[in-house]
Amino acid sequence: MPNVAKPTKLKDLAGNPGKRALNRKEPQPKGVPVAPATMSPAARQVWTQLIASMPRGVFTTADSAILAAYCEAVANHRQATAAIMENPAQVQGSTGQPVLNPWFKQQAEAARQICTFGQRLGLDPIARQAINTETDDEDDWGGLIN
């Protein structure tokens, strides 16, 4: 994967590992993330877990849409995984031939979206290890994986 530029706030939290001058003129959106009214109930549960477990001040109202997309991807992945557990791996195709259950494709697409959005948001394990929060609480990120 190509290196993706990180927001100054994340670089600050990581202790500026690249030691390059930080962009102090970067736009600084304000507010807290707001869940869109159009989110599915399952995604709203993911949102609640995510917001409760992330460091304060990293995400703002401007990040609401990408956070919602991440939450929908997690909810879709969970739904596809549950469907896979309840149904056979192979199903009958339109002409009677055995084909892979379509839920596998939906699960894979949701996993790809989770990885993409998670990296952009600093939610993957590599991004988390670089963030130095000012709290000693070890459970700040605990609710993300469950």
Protein backbone atom coordinates (compact mmCIF):
# COMPACT_ATOMS: atom_id res chain seq x y z
CA MET A 1 0.00 0.00 0.00
CA PRO A 2 1.27 3.50 -0.72
CA ASN A 3 2.08 5.80 2.14
CA VAL A 4 -0.90 7.96 2.97
CA ALA A 5 -0.41 11.43 4.41
CA LYS A 6 -1.48 11.71 8.04
CA PRO A 7 -3.23 14.69 9.56
CA THR A 8 -1.02 16.90 11.72
CA LYS A 9 -3.05 15.94 14.80
CA LEU A 10 -2.14 12.26 14.33
CA LYS A 11 1.51 13.15 13.70
CA ASP A 12 1.51 15.18 16.93
CA LEU A 13 0.01 12.26 18.87
CA ALA A 14 2.65 9.95 17.39
CA GLY A 15 5.45 12.31 18.46
CA ASN A 16 6.23 13.38 14.87
CA PRO A 17 8.26 10.26 14.03
CA GLY A 18 9.43 11.68 10.68
CA LYS A 19 10.86 14.77 12.40
CA ARG A 20 9.76 16.89 9.45
CA ALA A 21 8.23 20.30 9.99
CA LEU A 22 4.52 19.94 10.70
CA ASN A 23 1.94 21.87 8.70
CA ARG A 24 0.66 24.34 11.27
CA LYS A 25 -1.59 25.98 8.67
CA GLU A 26 -3.63 22.80 8.16
CA PRO A 27 -7.37 23.48 8.44
CA GLN A 28 -8.63 22.66 11.92
CA PRO A 29 -12.25 21.53 11.74
CA LYS A 30 -14.20 21.87 14.95
CA GLY A 31 -16.94 19.97 16.70
CA VAL A 32 -17.47 16.32 17.40
CA PRO A 33 -18.46 13.62 14.92
CA VAL A 34 -22.21 13.38 14.37
CA ALA A 35 -23.82 10.13 13.28
CA PRO A 36 -25.86 10.62 10.09
CA ALA A 37 -29.58 9.95 10.48
CA THR A 38 -29.43 7.50 7.56
CA MET A 39 -27.16 4.99 9.33
CA SER A 40 -28.45 1.46 9.80
CA PRO A 41 -29.14 0.34 13.39
CA ALA A 42 -26.21 -2.12 13.24
CA ALA A 43 -23.85 0.61 12.02
CA ARG A 44 -25.11 2.94 14.76
CA GLN A 45 -24.03 0.33 17.34
CA VAL A 46 -20.57 0.24 15.78
CA TRP A 47 -20.54 4.07 15.83
CA THR A 48 -21.31 4.10 19.56
CA GLN A 49 -18.45 1.68 20.27
CA LEU A 50 -16.05 3.57 18.03
CA ILE A 51 -16.79 7.04 19.42
CA ALA A 52 -16.51 5.76 23.00
CA SER A 53 -13.13 4.16 22.34
CA MET A 54 -11.28 6.73 20.21
CA PRO A 55 -8.99 9.45 21.57
CA ARG A 56 -10.80 12.76 22.01
CA GLY A 57 -10.02 15.55 19.60
CA VAL A 58 -8.68 13.42 16.76
CA PHE A 59 -11.94 13.37 14.80
CA THR A 60 -14.33 16.26 14.25
CA THR A 61 -17.66 16.93 12.61
CA ALA A 62 -15.87 16.99 9.25
CA ASP A 63 -14.98 13.30 9.72
CA SER A 64 -18.57 12.17 10.25
CA ALA A 65 -19.11 10.80 6.73
CA ILE A 66 -15.99 8.61 6.61
CA LEU A 67 -16.63 7.40 10.16
CA ALA A 68 -20.17 6.46 9.11
CA ALA A 69 -18.85 4.63 6.03
CA TYR A 70 -16.44 2.68 8.26
CA CYS A 71 -19.28 1.77 10.64
CA GLU A 72 -21.51 0.61 7.76
CA ALA A 73 -18.66 -1.54 6.42
CA VAL A 74 -18.19 -3.18 9.83
CA ALA A 75 -21.95 -3.78 10.11
CA ASN A 76 -22.04 -5.26 6.58
CA HIS A 77 -19.09 -7.51 7.38
CA ARG A 78 -20.82 -8.79 10.49
CA GLN A 79 -24.03 -9.44 8.55
CA ALA A 80 -22.18 -11.32 5.80
CA THR A 81 -20.23 -13.37 8.34
CA ALA A 82 -23.43 -14.34 10.16
CA ALA A 83 -25.04 -15.36 6.86
CA ILE A 84 -22.01 -17.47 5.94
CA MET A 85 -22.21 -19.27 9.27
CA GLU A 86 -25.89 -20.11 8.63
CA ASN A 87 -25.62 -21.13 4.96
CA PRO A 88 -23.49 -23.60 3.00
CA ALA A 89 -20.28 -22.43 1.34
CA GLN A 90 -21.58 -23.57 -2.04
CA VAL A 91 -25.02 -22.85 -3.43
CA GLN A 92 -26.73 -23.76 -6.67
CA GLY A 93 -26.09 -21.37 -9.55
CA SER A 94 -28.62 -20.24 -12.14
CA THR A 95 -27.93 -23.25 -14.35
CA GLY A 96 -27.67 -25.77 -11.52
CA GLN A 97 -23.90 -25.72 -11.15
CA PRO A 98 -22.35 -25.29 -7.67
CA VAL A 99 -21.07 -21.75 -7.04
CA LEU A 100 -19.55 -20.01 -4.07
CA ASN A 101 -22.12 -18.48 -1.76
CA PRO A 102 -22.51 -14.75 -2.71
CA TRP A 103 -22.15 -13.78 0.95
CA PHE A 104 -18.42 -14.50 0.65
CA LYS A 105 -18.07 -11.74 -1.95
CA GLN A 106 -19.98 -9.30 0.25
CA GLN A 107 -17.85 -10.25 3.24
CA ALA A 108 -14.63 -9.71 1.27
CA GLU A 109 -15.80 -6.32 -0.04
CA ALA A 110 -16.76 -5.19 3.46
CA ALA A 111 -13.35 -6.32 4.77
CA ARG A 112 -11.63 -4.32 2.03
CA GLN A 113 -13.65 -1.24 2.95
CA ILE A 114 -12.87 -1.69 6.65
CA CYS A 115 -9.15 -1.80 5.85
CA THR A 116 -9.31 1.24 3.57
CA PHE A 117 -11.45 3.42 5.84
CA GLY A 118 -9.67 2.21 8.97
CA GLN A 119 -6.29 3.19 7.56
CA ARG A 120 -7.58 6.61 6.56
CA LEU A 121 -8.98 7.12 10.05
CA GLY A 122 -5.91 5.82 11.87
CA LEU A 123 -7.82 2.81 13.20
CA ASP A 124 -5.55 0.02 12.01
CA PRO A 125 -3.00 -1.59 14.36
CA ILE A 126 -0.02 0.13 12.75
CA ALA A 127 -1.62 3.56 13.06
CA ARG A 128 -2.67 2.86 16.66
CA GLN A 129 0.83 1.89 17.73
CA ALA A 130 2.09 5.26 16.54
CA ILE A 131 -0.47 7.27 18.51
CA ASN A 132 0.64 8.34 21.96
CA THR A 133 -2.41 9.34 23.96
CA GLU A 134 -2.02 11.22 27.19
CA THR A 135 -3.99 8.72 29.22
CA ASP A 136 -2.78 5.63 31.05
CA ASP A 137 -6.05 3.80 30.39
CA GLU A 138 -5.22 0.68 28.39
CA ASP A 139 -8.81 0.18 27.16
CA ASP A 140 -9.09 3.32 25.00
CA TRP A 141 -9.22 1.19 21.86
CA GLY A 142 -10.61 -1.99 23.39
CA GLY A 143 -14.14 -1.73 22.02
CA LEU A 144 -13.09 -1.49 18.37
CA ILE A 145 -12.46 -5.15 17.75
CA ASN A 146 -15.44 -6.72 19.53
